[in-house]
Amino acid sequence: MHPLLFEGLTDAIGFVGGVLLAYWVGLLLGFDPLAQGYGGSAIGGIVLAGLGGGGGLQLARRWRKARSKGA
């Protein structure tokens, strides 16, 4: 697989996975980023989704870097 394609796919999977995990955790905590309006619940959910996406992306990049060192 082309290295840039692999990089893009792993970044996308990490980001989307992080957002989905943060969305589900947010719902359990009472935050809903898809709630109507811009109340505290919606803002909290949006913040959690952003943090989850960024965290998932960083985990994907660290995994890719560790994988390239071992190969």
PDB file of N, CA and C in Angstrom:
ATOM      1  N   MET A   1       0.846  -1.174   0.000  1.00  0.00           N
ATOM      2  CA  MET A   1       0.000   0.000   0.000  1.00  0.00           C
ATOM      3  C   MET A   1       0.893   1.239   0.000  1.00  0.00           C
ATOM      4  N   HIS A   2       0.484   2.216  -0.747  1.00  0.00           N
ATOM      5  CA  HIS A   2       1.247   3.460  -0.838  1.00  0.00           C
ATOM      6  C   HIS A   2       1.307   4.120   0.543  1.00  0.00           C
ATOM      7  N   PRO A   3       2.479   4.613   0.945  1.00  0.00           N
ATOM      8  CA  PRO A   3       2.629   5.180   2.302  1.00  0.00           C
ATOM      9  C   PRO A   3       1.686   6.351   2.595  1.00  0.00           C
ATOM     10  N   LEU A   4       1.442   7.212   1.608  1.00  0.00           N
ATOM     11  CA  LEU A   4       0.554   8.346   1.858  1.00  0.00           C
ATOM     12  C   LEU A   4      -0.899   7.903   2.008  1.00  0.00           C
ATOM     13  N   LEU A   5      -1.295   6.871   1.272  1.00  0.00           N
ATOM     14  CA  LEU A   5      -2.643   6.329   1.415  1.00  0.00           C
ATOM     15  C   LEU A   5      -2.803   5.705   2.797  1.00  0.00           C
ATOM     16  N   PHE A   6      -1.794   4.964   3.231  1.00  0.00           N
ATOM     17  CA  PHE A   6      -1.816   4.354   4.559  1.00  0.00           C
ATOM     18  C   PHE A   6      -1.894   5.424   5.645  1.00  0.00           C
ATOM     19  N   GLU A   7      -1.127   6.495   5.486  1.00  0.00           N
ATOM     20  CA  GLU A   7      -1.145   7.591   6.452  1.00  0.00           C
ATOM     21  C   GLU A   7      -2.519   8.239   6.518  1.00  0.00           C
ATOM     22  N   GLY A   8      -3.100   8.505   5.381  1.00  0.00           N
ATOM     23  CA  GLY A   8      -4.419   9.133   5.348  1.00  0.00           C
ATOM     24  C   GLY A   8      -5.500   8.251   5.944  1.00  0.00           C
ATOM     25  N   LEU A   9      -5.456   6.962   5.632  1.00  0.00           N
ATOM     26  CA  LEU A   9      -6.459   6.044   6.164  1.00  0.00           C
ATOM     27  C   LEU A   9      -6.343   5.893   7.675  1.00  0.00           C
ATOM     28  N   THR A  10      -5.128   5.757   8.181  1.00  0.00           N
ATOM     29  CA  THR A  10      -4.973   5.609   9.629  1.00  0.00           C
ATOM     30  C   THR A  10      -5.355   6.890  10.357  1.00  0.00           C
ATOM     31  N   ASP A  11      -5.030   8.049   9.787  1.00  0.00           N
ATOM     32  CA  ASP A  11      -5.444   9.316  10.400  1.00  0.00           C
ATOM     33  C   ASP A  11      -6.967   9.414  10.450  1.00  0.00           C
ATOM     34  N   ALA A  12      -7.619   9.061   9.353  1.00  0.00           N
ATOM     35  CA  ALA A  12      -9.084   9.147   9.296  1.00  0.00           C
ATOM     36  C   ALA A  12      -9.731   8.180  10.280  1.00  0.00           C
ATOM     37  N   ILE A  13      -9.228   6.961  10.352  1.00  0.00           N
ATOM     38  CA  ILE A  13      -9.788   5.972  11.270  1.00  0.00           C
ATOM     39  C   ILE A  13      -9.587   6.419  12.719  1.00  0.00           C
ATOM     40  N   GLY A  14      -8.413   6.931  13.029  1.00  0.00           N
ATOM     41  CA  GLY A  14      -8.155   7.416  14.384  1.00  0.00           C
ATOM     42  C   GLY A  14      -9.053   8.581  14.759  1.00  0.00           C
ATOM     43  N   PHE A  15      -9.215   9.526  13.843  1.00  0.00           N
ATOM     44  CA  PHE A  15     -10.048  10.697  14.113  1.00  0.00           C
ATOM     45  C   PHE A  15     -11.508  10.307  14.309  1.00  0.00           C
ATOM     46  N   VAL A  16     -12.050   9.552  13.368  1.00  0.00           N
ATOM     47  CA  VAL A  16     -13.463   9.169  13.445  1.00  0.00           C
ATOM     48  C   VAL A  16     -13.714   8.280  14.662  1.00  0.00           C
ATOM     49  N   GLY A  17     -12.801   7.351  14.921  1.00  0.00           N
ATOM     50  CA  GLY A  17     -12.947   6.501  16.097  1.00  0.00           C
ATOM     51  C   GLY A  17     -12.935   7.305  17.389  1.00  0.00           C
ATOM     52  N   GLY A  18     -12.053   8.291  17.466  1.00  0.00           N
ATOM     53  CA  GLY A  18     -11.993   9.149  18.647  1.00  0.00           C
ATOM     54  C   GLY A  18     -13.247   9.978  18.828  1.00  0.00           C
ATOM     55  N   VAL A  19     -13.772  10.506  17.730  1.00  0.00           N
ATOM     56  CA  VAL A  19     -15.001  11.302  17.806  1.00  0.00           C
ATOM     57  C   VAL A  19     -16.169  10.427  18.263  1.00  0.00           C
ATOM     58  N   LEU A  20     -16.284   9.233  17.694  1.00  0.00           N
ATOM     59  CA  LEU A  20     -17.394   8.354  18.073  1.00  0.00           C
ATOM     60  C   LEU A  20     -17.301   7.933  19.532  1.00  0.00           C
ATOM     61  N   LEU A  21     -16.110   7.603  19.982  1.00  0.00           N
ATOM     62  CA  LEU A  21     -15.940   7.228  21.386  1.00  0.00           C
ATOM     63  C   LEU A  21     -16.301   8.391  22.305  1.00  0.00           C
ATOM     64  N   ALA A  22     -15.831   9.587  21.973  1.00  0.00           N
ATOM     65  CA  ALA A  22     -16.141  10.765  22.783  1.00  0.00           C
ATOM     66  C   ALA A  22     -17.633  11.085  22.740  1.00  0.00           C
ATOM     67  N   TYR A  23     -18.276  10.865  21.605  1.00  0.00           N
ATOM     68  CA  TYR A  23     -19.720  11.102  21.480  1.00  0.00           C
ATOM     69  C   TYR A  23     -20.491  10.184  22.423  1.00  0.00           C
ATOM     70  N   TRP A  24     -20.132   8.903  22.422  1.00  0.00           N
ATOM     71  CA  TRP A  24     -20.830   7.941  23.279  1.00  0.00           C
ATOM     72  C   TRP A  24     -20.573   8.224  24.757  1.00  0.00           C
ATOM     73  N   VAL A  25     -19.338   8.554  25.102  1.00  0.00           N
ATOM     74  CA  VAL A  25     -19.021   8.904  26.495  1.00  0.00           C
ATOM     75  C   VAL A  25     -19.774  10.179  26.883  1.00  0.00           C
ATOM     76  N   GLY A  26     -19.829  11.134  25.978  1.00  0.00           N
ATOM     77  CA  GLY A  26     -20.559  12.372  26.241  1.00  0.00           C
ATOM     78  C   GLY A  26     -22.034  12.129  26.486  1.00  0.00           C
ATOM     79  N   LEU A  27     -22.618  11.238  25.713  1.00  0.00           N
ATOM     80  CA  LEU A  27     -24.028  10.921  25.936  1.00  0.00           C
ATOM     81  C   LEU A  27     -24.236  10.284  27.301  1.00  0.00           C
ATOM     82  N   LEU A  28     -23.312   9.424  27.711  1.00  0.00           N
ATOM     83  CA  LEU A  28     -23.410   8.812  29.040  1.00  0.00           C
ATOM     84  C   LEU A  28     -23.289   9.853  30.151  1.00  0.00           C
ATOM     85  N   LEU A  29     -22.518  10.903  29.902  1.00  0.00           N
ATOM     86  CA  LEU A  29     -22.331  11.961  30.894  1.00  0.00           C
ATOM     87  C   LEU A  29     -23.380  13.071  30.798  1.00  0.00           C
ATOM     88  N   GLY A  30     -24.269  12.983  29.812  1.00  0.00           N
ATOM     89  CA  GLY A  30     -25.328  13.976  29.671  1.00  0.00           C
ATOM     90  C   GLY A  30     -25.028  15.097  28.695  1.00  0.00           C
ATOM     91  N   PHE A  31     -23.981  14.952  27.892  1.00  0.00           N
ATOM     92  CA  PHE A  31     -23.651  15.953  26.878  1.00  0.00           C
ATOM     93  C   PHE A  31     -24.057  15.436  25.510  1.00  0.00           C
ATOM     94  N   ASP A  32     -24.755  16.265  24.743  1.00  0.00           N
ATOM     95  CA  ASP A  32     -25.206  15.854  23.417  1.00  0.00           C
ATOM     96  C   ASP A  32     -24.817  16.929  22.399  1.00  0.00           C
ATOM     97  N   PRO A  33     -23.783  16.665  21.576  1.00  0.00           N
ATOM     98  CA  PRO A  33     -23.365  17.681  20.604  1.00  0.00           C
ATOM     99  C   PRO A  33     -24.406  17.928  19.518  1.00  0.00           C
ATOM    100  N   LEU A  34     -25.369  17.035  19.383  1.00  0.00           N
ATOM    101  CA  LEU A  34     -26.395  17.206  18.366  1.00  0.00           C
ATOM    102  C   LEU A  34     -27.689  17.779  18.925  1.00  0.00           C
ATOM    103  N   ALA A  35     -27.644  18.241  20.182  1.00  0.00           N
ATOM    104  CA  ALA A  35     -28.823  18.838  20.798  1.00  0.00           C
ATOM    105  C   ALA A  35     -29.171  20.151  20.097  1.00  0.00           C
ATOM    106  N   GLN A  36     -30.442  20.471  20.136  1.00  0.00           N
ATOM    107  CA  GLN A  36     -30.898  21.688  19.481  1.00  0.00           C
ATOM    108  C   GLN A  36     -30.432  22.909  20.259  1.00  0.00           C
ATOM    109  N   GLY A  37     -29.980  23.923  19.557  1.00  0.00           N
ATOM    110  CA  GLY A  37     -29.512  25.148  20.194  1.00  0.00           C
ATOM    111  C   GLY A  37     -28.065  25.026  20.646  1.00  0.00           C
ATOM    112  N   TYR A  38     -27.632  26.027  21.384  1.00  0.00           N
ATOM    113  CA  TYR A  38     -26.254  26.047  21.877  1.00  0.00           C
ATOM    114  C   TYR A  38     -26.238  26.136  23.389  1.00  0.00           C
ATOM    115  N   GLY A  39     -26.926  25.214  24.023  1.00  0.00           N
ATOM    116  CA  GLY A  39     -26.932  25.156  25.481  1.00  0.00           C
ATOM    117  C   GLY A  39     -25.662  24.499  25.994  1.00  0.00           C
ATOM    118  N   GLY A  40     -25.567  24.381  27.293  1.00  0.00           N
ATOM    119  CA  GLY A  40     -24.390  23.779  27.910  1.00  0.00           C
ATOM    120  C   GLY A  40     -24.152  22.348  27.475  1.00  0.00           C
ATOM    121  N   SER A  41     -25.233  21.588  27.303  1.00  0.00           N
ATOM    122  CA  SER A  41     -25.114  20.198  26.880  1.00  0.00           C
ATOM    123  C   SER A  41     -24.503  20.093  25.485  1.00  0.00           C
ATOM    124  N   ALA A  42     -24.965  20.947  24.587  1.00  0.00           N
ATOM    125  CA  ALA A  42     -24.461  20.907  23.212  1.00  0.00           C
ATOM    126  C   ALA A  42     -23.002  21.356  23.150  1.00  0.00           C
ATOM    127  N   ILE A  43     -22.667  22.429  23.835  1.00  0.00           N
ATOM    128  CA  ILE A  43     -21.289  22.926  23.824  1.00  0.00           C
ATOM    129  C   ILE A  43     -20.351  21.905  24.450  1.00  0.00           C
ATOM    130  N   GLY A  44     -20.750  21.311  25.576  1.00  0.00           N
ATOM    131  CA  GLY A  44     -19.936  20.273  26.199  1.00  0.00           C
ATOM    132  C   GLY A  44     -19.718  19.088  25.273  1.00  0.00           C
ATOM    133  N   GLY A  45     -20.769  18.692  24.561  1.00  0.00           N
ATOM    134  CA  GLY A  45     -20.641  17.580  23.613  1.00  0.00           C
ATOM    135  C   GLY A  45     -19.723  17.912  22.450  1.00  0.00           C
ATOM    136  N   ILE A  46     -19.799  19.135  21.963  1.00  0.00           N
ATOM    137  CA  ILE A  46     -18.931  19.559  20.858  1.00  0.00           C
ATOM    138  C   ILE A  46     -17.471  19.568  21.306  1.00  0.00           C
ATOM    139  N   VAL A  47     -17.228  20.065  22.513  1.00  0.00           N
ATOM    140  CA  VAL A  47     -15.863  20.087  23.045  1.00  0.00           C
ATOM    141  C   VAL A  47     -15.333  18.671  23.213  1.00  0.00           C
ATOM    142  N   LEU A  48     -16.156  17.786  23.782  1.00  0.00           N
ATOM    143  CA  LEU A  48     -15.732  16.395  23.952  1.00  0.00           C
ATOM    144  C   LEU A  48     -15.449  15.727  22.607  1.00  0.00           C
ATOM    145  N   ALA A  49     -16.296  15.977  21.612  1.00  0.00           N
ATOM    146  CA  ALA A  49     -16.081  15.381  20.297  1.00  0.00           C
ATOM    147  C   ALA A  49     -14.781  15.895  19.681  1.00  0.00           C
ATOM    148  N   GLY A  50     -14.495  17.176  19.832  1.00  0.00           N
ATOM    149  CA  GLY A  50     -13.242  17.728  19.310  1.00  0.00           C
ATOM    150  C   GLY A  50     -12.025  17.139  19.996  1.00  0.00           C
ATOM    151  N   LEU A  51     -12.093  17.016  21.313  1.00  0.00           N
ATOM    152  CA  LEU A  51     -10.975  16.415  22.054  1.00  0.00           C
ATOM    153  C   LEU A  51     -10.802  14.941  21.687  1.00  0.00           C
ATOM    154  N   GLY A  52     -11.917  14.241  21.527  1.00  0.00           N
ATOM    155  CA  GLY A  52     -11.840  12.831  21.148  1.00  0.00           C
ATOM    156  C   GLY A  52     -11.246  12.641  19.767  1.00  0.00           C
ATOM    157  N   GLY A  53     -11.633  13.490  18.832  1.00  0.00           N
ATOM    158  CA  GLY A  53     -11.075  13.404  17.480  1.00  0.00           C
ATOM    159  C   GLY A  53      -9.584  13.687  17.458  1.00  0.00           C
ATOM    160  N   GLY A  54      -9.172  14.711  18.174  1.00  0.00           N
ATOM    161  CA  GLY A  54      -7.748  15.034  18.246  1.00  0.00           C
ATOM    162  C   GLY A  54      -6.950  13.946  18.942  1.00  0.00           C
ATOM    163  N   GLY A  55      -7.518  13.393  20.009  1.00  0.00           N
ATOM    164  CA  GLY A  55      -6.845  12.312  20.718  1.00  0.00           C
ATOM    165  C   GLY A  55      -6.720  11.053  19.868  1.00  0.00           C
ATOM    166  N   GLY A  56      -7.786  10.724  19.153  1.00  0.00           N
ATOM    167  CA  GLY A  56      -7.737   9.559  18.262  1.00  0.00           C
ATOM    168  C   GLY A  56      -6.724   9.734  17.150  1.00  0.00           C
ATOM    169  N   LEU A  57      -6.632  10.935  16.624  1.00  0.00           N
ATOM    170  CA  LEU A  57      -5.650  11.226  15.575  1.00  0.00           C
ATOM    171  C   LEU A  57      -4.232  11.072  16.116  1.00  0.00           C
ATOM    172  N   GLN A  58      -3.978  11.586  17.307  1.00  0.00           N
ATOM    173  CA  GLN A  58      -2.642  11.469  17.898  1.00  0.00           C
ATOM    174  C   GLN A  58      -2.292  10.015  18.194  1.00  0.00           C
ATOM    175  N   LEU A  59      -3.267   9.238  18.663  1.00  0.00           N
ATOM    176  CA  LEU A  59      -3.015   7.817  18.905  1.00  0.00           C
ATOM    177  C   LEU A  59      -2.688   7.081  17.603  1.00  0.00           C
ATOM    178  N   ALA A  60      -3.400   7.418  16.534  1.00  0.00           N
ATOM    179  CA  ALA A  60      -3.126   6.787  15.247  1.00  0.00           C
ATOM    180  C   ALA A  60      -1.722   7.125  14.759  1.00  0.00           C
ATOM    181  N   ARG A  61      -1.318   8.370  14.946  1.00  0.00           N
ATOM    182  CA  ARG A  61       0.029   8.767  14.511  1.00  0.00           C
ATOM    183  C   ARG A  61       1.102   8.101  15.353  1.00  0.00           C
ATOM    184  N   ARG A  62       0.890   7.991  16.661  1.00  0.00           N
ATOM    185  CA  ARG A  62       1.867   7.303  17.513  1.00  0.00           C
ATOM    186  C   ARG A  62       1.954   5.823  17.162  1.00  0.00           C
ATOM    187  N   TRP A  63       0.812   5.197  16.880  1.00  0.00           N
ATOM    188  CA  TRP A  63       0.799   3.793  16.488  1.00  0.00           C
ATOM    189  C   TRP A  63       1.570   3.603  15.186  1.00  0.00           C
ATOM    190  N   ARG A  64       1.335   4.497  14.219  1.00  0.00           N
ATOM    191  CA  ARG A  64       2.029   4.397  12.930  1.00  0.00           C
ATOM    192  C   ARG A  64       3.527   4.589  13.094  1.00  0.00           C
ATOM    193  N   LYS A  65       3.931   5.513  13.962  1.00  0.00           N
ATOM    194  CA  LYS A  65       5.360   5.756  14.196  1.00  0.00           C
ATOM    195  C   LYS A  65       5.998   4.549  14.876  1.00  0.00           C
ATOM    196  N   ALA A  66       5.320   3.962  15.857  1.00  0.00           N
ATOM    197  CA  ALA A  66       5.863   2.779  16.534  1.00  0.00           C
ATOM    198  C   ALA A  66       5.924   1.597  15.577  1.00  0.00           C
ATOM    199  N   ARG A  67       4.947   1.496  14.698  1.00  0.00           N
ATOM    200  CA  ARG A  67       4.929   0.390  13.723  1.00  0.00           C
ATOM    201  C   ARG A  67       6.069   0.511  12.730  1.00  0.00           C
ATOM    202  N   SER A  68       6.387   1.746  12.322  1.00  0.00           N
ATOM    203  CA  SER A  68       7.463   1.943  11.348  1.00  0.00           C
ATOM    204  C   SER A  68       8.835   1.686  11.972  1.00  0.00           C
ATOM    205  N   LYS A  69       8.988   1.928  13.275  1.00  0.00           N
ATOM    206  CA  LYS A  69      10.268   1.657  13.942  1.00  0.00           C
ATOM    207  C   LYS A  69      10.499   0.167  14.090  1.00  0.00           C
ATOM    208  N   GLY A  70       9.417  -0.584  14.319  1.00  0.00           N
ATOM    209  CA  GLY A  70       9.542  -2.029  14.520  1.00  0.00           C
ATOM    210  C   GLY A  70       9.735  -2.799  13.228  1.00  0.00           C
ATOM    211  N   ALA A  71       9.367  -2.208  12.094  1.00  0.00           N
ATOM    212  CA  ALA A  71       9.442  -2.919  10.811  1.00  0.00           C
ATOM    213  C   ALA A  71      10.792  -2.785  10.162  1.00  0.00           C
TER     214      ALA A  71
END
